[in-house]
Amino acid sequence: MSGIVNDIVQSIMTPGYTAKGVIKLMFYAFYILFATLTIMIFLSGGNLHVIALLLLSICLFLTIRWFIAEMDRIKAQEQQEKKD
């Protein structure tokens, strides 16, 4: 856990997109959210509101993962241009 805390502190002090620890922590929070909403679906007997919340959270998770992948791609392109 100290690796994640160290990464968070380093990402605060470094300009740009460097927060691998923050991203891991955010993904773990999403996984816990998915588990909680899934359990709530079964406990509530398939409540449509809870199902909608689960679908929205999945869409948000996928959108964030896509955005992070694009940021990584842009960062790799910039580093490649600096090498050339």
N, C-alpha and C. Protein backbone atom coordinates (compact mmCIF):
# COMPACT_ATOMS: atom_id res chain seq x y z
N MET A 1 0.82 -1.20 0.00
CA MET A 1 0.00 0.00 0.00
C MET A 1 0.87 1.26 0.00
N SER A 2 2.04 1.18 0.60
CA SER A 2 2.89 2.37 0.63
C SER A 2 3.35 2.75 -0.77
N GLY A 3 3.41 1.79 -1.70
CA GLY A 3 3.75 2.11 -3.08
C GLY A 3 2.70 2.99 -3.72
N ILE A 4 1.44 2.71 -3.44
CA ILE A 4 0.35 3.51 -3.99
C ILE A 4 0.37 4.91 -3.38
N VAL A 5 0.59 4.99 -2.07
CA VAL A 5 0.64 6.30 -1.40
C VAL A 5 1.80 7.11 -1.95
N ASN A 6 2.95 6.48 -2.11
CA ASN A 6 4.12 7.17 -2.67
C ASN A 6 3.83 7.66 -4.09
N ASP A 7 3.17 6.82 -4.88
CA ASP A 7 2.84 7.20 -6.25
C ASP A 7 1.87 8.37 -6.29
N ILE A 8 0.92 8.38 -5.36
CA ILE A 8 -0.04 9.49 -5.30
C ILE A 8 0.68 10.79 -4.96
N VAL A 9 1.57 10.74 -3.98
CA VAL A 9 2.31 11.95 -3.61
C VAL A 9 3.18 12.41 -4.77
N GLN A 10 3.85 11.49 -5.46
CA GLN A 10 4.69 11.85 -6.59
C GLN A 10 3.86 12.44 -7.73
N SER A 11 2.66 11.90 -7.95
CA SER A 11 1.82 12.42 -9.03
C SER A 11 1.32 13.83 -8.73
N ILE A 12 1.16 14.15 -7.46
CA ILE A 12 0.75 15.50 -7.09
C ILE A 12 1.88 16.49 -7.38
N MET A 13 3.10 16.07 -7.11
CA MET A 13 4.25 16.95 -7.26
C MET A 13 4.76 17.04 -8.70
N THR A 14 4.39 16.11 -9.55
CA THR A 14 4.88 16.08 -10.93
C THR A 14 3.79 16.58 -11.87
N PRO A 15 4.09 17.54 -12.72
CA PRO A 15 3.08 18.03 -13.67
C PRO A 15 2.79 16.97 -14.73
N GLY A 16 1.58 16.99 -15.23
CA GLY A 16 1.20 16.07 -16.29
C GLY A 16 0.49 14.83 -15.76
N TYR A 17 0.42 13.85 -16.62
CA TYR A 17 -0.33 12.62 -16.33
C TYR A 17 0.66 11.55 -15.87
N THR A 18 0.73 11.31 -14.55
CA THR A 18 1.69 10.35 -14.00
C THR A 18 1.10 9.47 -12.91
N ALA A 19 -0.18 9.45 -12.71
CA ALA A 19 -0.78 8.88 -11.51
C ALA A 19 -1.19 7.41 -11.69
N LYS A 20 -0.23 6.51 -11.80
CA LYS A 20 -0.56 5.09 -11.93
C LYS A 20 -1.20 4.55 -10.66
N GLY A 21 -0.71 4.97 -9.49
CA GLY A 21 -1.29 4.52 -8.22
C GLY A 21 -2.71 4.99 -8.03
N VAL A 22 -2.96 6.22 -8.41
CA VAL A 22 -4.32 6.76 -8.30
C VAL A 22 -5.27 5.99 -9.21
N ILE A 23 -4.80 5.65 -10.39
CA ILE A 23 -5.62 4.91 -11.33
C ILE A 23 -5.93 3.51 -10.79
N LYS A 24 -4.93 2.83 -10.22
CA LYS A 24 -5.18 1.51 -9.63
C LYS A 24 -6.20 1.61 -8.51
N LEU A 25 -6.03 2.60 -7.65
CA LEU A 25 -6.95 2.78 -6.54
C LEU A 25 -8.37 3.06 -7.05
N MET A 26 -8.48 3.86 -8.10
CA MET A 26 -9.79 4.15 -8.68
C MET A 26 -10.42 2.89 -9.26
N PHE A 27 -9.62 2.05 -9.93
CA PHE A 27 -10.16 0.82 -10.48
C PHE A 27 -10.63 -0.11 -9.36
N TYR A 28 -9.89 -0.19 -8.26
CA TYR A 28 -10.33 -1.02 -7.13
C TYR A 28 -11.65 -0.49 -6.57
N ALA A 29 -11.80 0.82 -6.51
CA ALA A 29 -13.06 1.41 -6.03
C ALA A 29 -14.21 1.05 -6.96
N PHE A 30 -13.95 1.07 -8.27
CA PHE A 30 -14.99 0.66 -9.22
C PHE A 30 -15.36 -0.81 -9.04
N TYR A 31 -14.37 -1.68 -8.83
CA TYR A 31 -14.67 -3.10 -8.64
C TYR A 31 -15.54 -3.31 -7.40
N ILE A 32 -15.24 -2.58 -6.34
CA ILE A 32 -16.07 -2.67 -5.13
C ILE A 32 -17.47 -2.14 -5.39
N LEU A 33 -17.57 -1.05 -6.16
CA LEU A 33 -18.87 -0.52 -6.54
C LEU A 33 -19.68 -1.54 -7.34
N PHE A 34 -19.04 -2.19 -8.30
CA PHE A 34 -19.73 -3.21 -9.11
C PHE A 34 -20.23 -4.35 -8.22
N ALA A 35 -19.39 -4.80 -7.30
CA ALA A 35 -19.80 -5.89 -6.40
C ALA A 35 -20.97 -5.46 -5.53
N THR A 36 -20.90 -4.25 -5.00
CA THR A 36 -21.97 -3.75 -4.14
C THR A 36 -23.29 -3.63 -4.90
N LEU A 37 -23.23 -3.08 -6.10
CA LEU A 37 -24.47 -2.93 -6.89
C LEU A 37 -25.02 -4.28 -7.33
N THR A 38 -24.15 -5.22 -7.64
CA THR A 38 -24.62 -6.56 -8.01
C THR A 38 -25.32 -7.22 -6.83
N ILE A 39 -24.74 -7.12 -5.66
CA ILE A 39 -25.39 -7.68 -4.47
C ILE A 39 -26.72 -6.98 -4.21
N MET A 40 -26.74 -5.67 -4.40
CA MET A 40 -28.00 -4.92 -4.19
C MET A 40 -29.08 -5.34 -5.18
N ILE A 41 -28.67 -5.70 -6.39
CA ILE A 41 -29.66 -6.16 -7.38
C ILE A 41 -30.33 -7.42 -6.87
N PHE A 42 -29.54 -8.36 -6.35
CA PHE A 42 -30.12 -9.60 -5.85
C PHE A 42 -30.95 -9.37 -4.58
N LEU A 43 -30.48 -8.50 -3.70
CA LEU A 43 -31.21 -8.25 -2.46
C LEU A 43 -32.51 -7.47 -2.69
N SER A 44 -32.52 -6.62 -3.70
CA SER A 44 -33.72 -5.82 -3.95
C SER A 44 -34.68 -6.50 -4.92
N GLY A 45 -34.33 -7.67 -5.38
CA GLY A 45 -35.22 -8.39 -6.29
C GLY A 45 -35.21 -7.84 -7.70
N GLY A 46 -34.10 -7.27 -8.12
CA GLY A 46 -33.99 -6.76 -9.49
C GLY A 46 -34.56 -5.37 -9.67
N ASN A 47 -34.37 -4.51 -8.70
CA ASN A 47 -34.84 -3.13 -8.77
C ASN A 47 -34.24 -2.44 -9.99
N LEU A 48 -35.07 -1.81 -10.80
CA LEU A 48 -34.62 -1.18 -12.03
C LEU A 48 -33.67 -0.01 -11.77
N HIS A 49 -33.85 0.68 -10.66
CA HIS A 49 -32.96 1.80 -10.35
C HIS A 49 -31.53 1.30 -10.08
N VAL A 50 -31.42 0.20 -9.37
CA VAL A 50 -30.11 -0.35 -9.06
C VAL A 50 -29.46 -0.90 -10.34
N ILE A 51 -30.25 -1.51 -11.19
CA ILE A 51 -29.73 -2.00 -12.47
C ILE A 51 -29.23 -0.83 -13.32
N ALA A 52 -30.00 0.26 -13.33
CA ALA A 52 -29.58 1.44 -14.08
C ALA A 52 -28.28 2.02 -13.52
N LEU A 53 -28.16 2.05 -12.20
CA LEU A 53 -26.92 2.53 -11.59
C LEU A 53 -25.73 1.65 -11.95
N LEU A 54 -25.94 0.34 -11.99
CA LEU A 54 -24.87 -0.57 -12.38
C LEU A 54 -24.46 -0.33 -13.82
N LEU A 55 -25.43 -0.17 -14.70
CA LEU A 55 -25.11 0.07 -16.11
C LEU A 55 -24.39 1.41 -16.30
N LEU A 56 -24.82 2.43 -15.58
CA LEU A 56 -24.15 3.73 -15.66
C LEU A 56 -22.72 3.65 -15.13
N SER A 57 -22.53 2.93 -14.05
CA SER A 57 -21.17 2.82 -13.49
C SER A 57 -20.27 2.02 -14.42
N ILE A 58 -20.80 1.01 -15.09
CA ILE A 58 -20.00 0.25 -16.06
C ILE A 58 -19.62 1.13 -17.24
N CYS A 59 -20.58 1.92 -17.73
CA CYS A 59 -20.27 2.84 -18.84
C CYS A 59 -19.22 3.87 -18.43
N LEU A 60 -19.33 4.40 -17.23
CA LEU A 60 -18.34 5.36 -16.74
C LEU A 60 -16.96 4.71 -16.63
N PHE A 61 -16.91 3.50 -16.11
CA PHE A 61 -15.65 2.77 -15.97
C PHE A 61 -15.00 2.55 -17.34
N LEU A 62 -15.78 2.11 -18.31
CA LEU A 62 -15.24 1.87 -19.65
C LEU A 62 -14.77 3.16 -20.30
N THR A 63 -15.50 4.24 -20.09
CA THR A 63 -15.10 5.54 -20.64
C THR A 63 -13.80 6.02 -20.03
N ILE A 64 -13.64 5.85 -18.74
CA ILE A 64 -12.39 6.25 -18.07
C ILE A 64 -11.23 5.40 -18.56
N ARG A 65 -11.45 4.09 -18.72
CA ARG A 65 -10.37 3.22 -19.22
C ARG A 65 -9.97 3.63 -20.63
N TRP A 66 -10.95 3.98 -21.47
CA TRP A 66 -10.64 4.41 -22.83
C TRP A 66 -9.82 5.70 -22.80
N PHE A 67 -10.23 6.65 -21.95
CA PHE A 67 -9.53 7.93 -21.86
C PHE A 67 -8.09 7.74 -21.40
N ILE A 68 -7.89 6.88 -20.43
CA ILE A 68 -6.53 6.61 -19.94
C ILE A 68 -5.69 5.95 -21.03
N ALA A 69 -6.29 5.05 -21.79
CA ALA A 69 -5.56 4.42 -22.90
C ALA A 69 -5.16 5.46 -23.95
N GLU A 70 -6.04 6.39 -24.23
CA GLU A 70 -5.71 7.45 -25.19
C GLU A 70 -4.60 8.36 -24.66
N MET A 71 -4.64 8.66 -23.37
CA MET A 71 -3.59 9.48 -22.78
C MET A 71 -2.25 8.75 -22.85
N ASP A 72 -2.25 7.44 -22.60
CA ASP A 72 -1.01 6.65 -22.71
C ASP A 72 -0.51 6.64 -24.14
N ARG A 73 -1.42 6.55 -25.10
CA ARG A 73 -1.03 6.54 -26.51
C ARG A 73 -0.40 7.88 -26.90
N ILE A 74 -1.00 8.97 -26.46
CA ILE A 74 -0.46 10.30 -26.76
C ILE A 74 0.90 10.48 -26.10
N LYS A 75 1.03 10.01 -24.86
CA LYS A 75 2.31 10.11 -24.16
C LYS A 75 3.39 9.32 -24.88
N ALA A 76 3.05 8.13 -25.37
CA ALA A 76 4.02 7.31 -26.11
C ALA A 76 4.41 7.99 -27.42
N GLN A 77 3.45 8.62 -28.10
CA GLN A 77 3.76 9.33 -29.35
C GLN A 77 4.70 10.50 -29.09
N GLU A 78 4.46 11.23 -28.01
CA GLU A 78 5.32 12.36 -27.69
C GLU A 78 6.75 11.90 -27.37
N GLN A 79 6.86 10.80 -26.66
CA GLN A 79 8.19 10.27 -26.35
C GLN A 79 8.89 9.76 -27.60
N GLN A 80 8.13 9.18 -28.52
CA GLN A 80 8.70 8.71 -29.78
C GLN A 80 9.18 9.88 -30.63
N GLU A 81 8.44 10.97 -30.63
CA GLU A 81 8.83 12.16 -31.40
C GLU A 81 10.09 12.79 -30.81
N LYS A 82 10.23 12.73 -29.49
CA LYS A 82 11.43 13.29 -28.86
C LYS A 82 12.67 12.45 -29.21
N LYS A 83 12.50 11.15 -29.39
CA LYS A 83 13.62 10.28 -29.75
C LYS A 83 14.08 10.56 -31.18
N ASP A 84 13.11 10.83 -32.05
CA ASP A 84 13.45 11.04 -33.47
C ASP A 84 13.99 12.38 -33.69
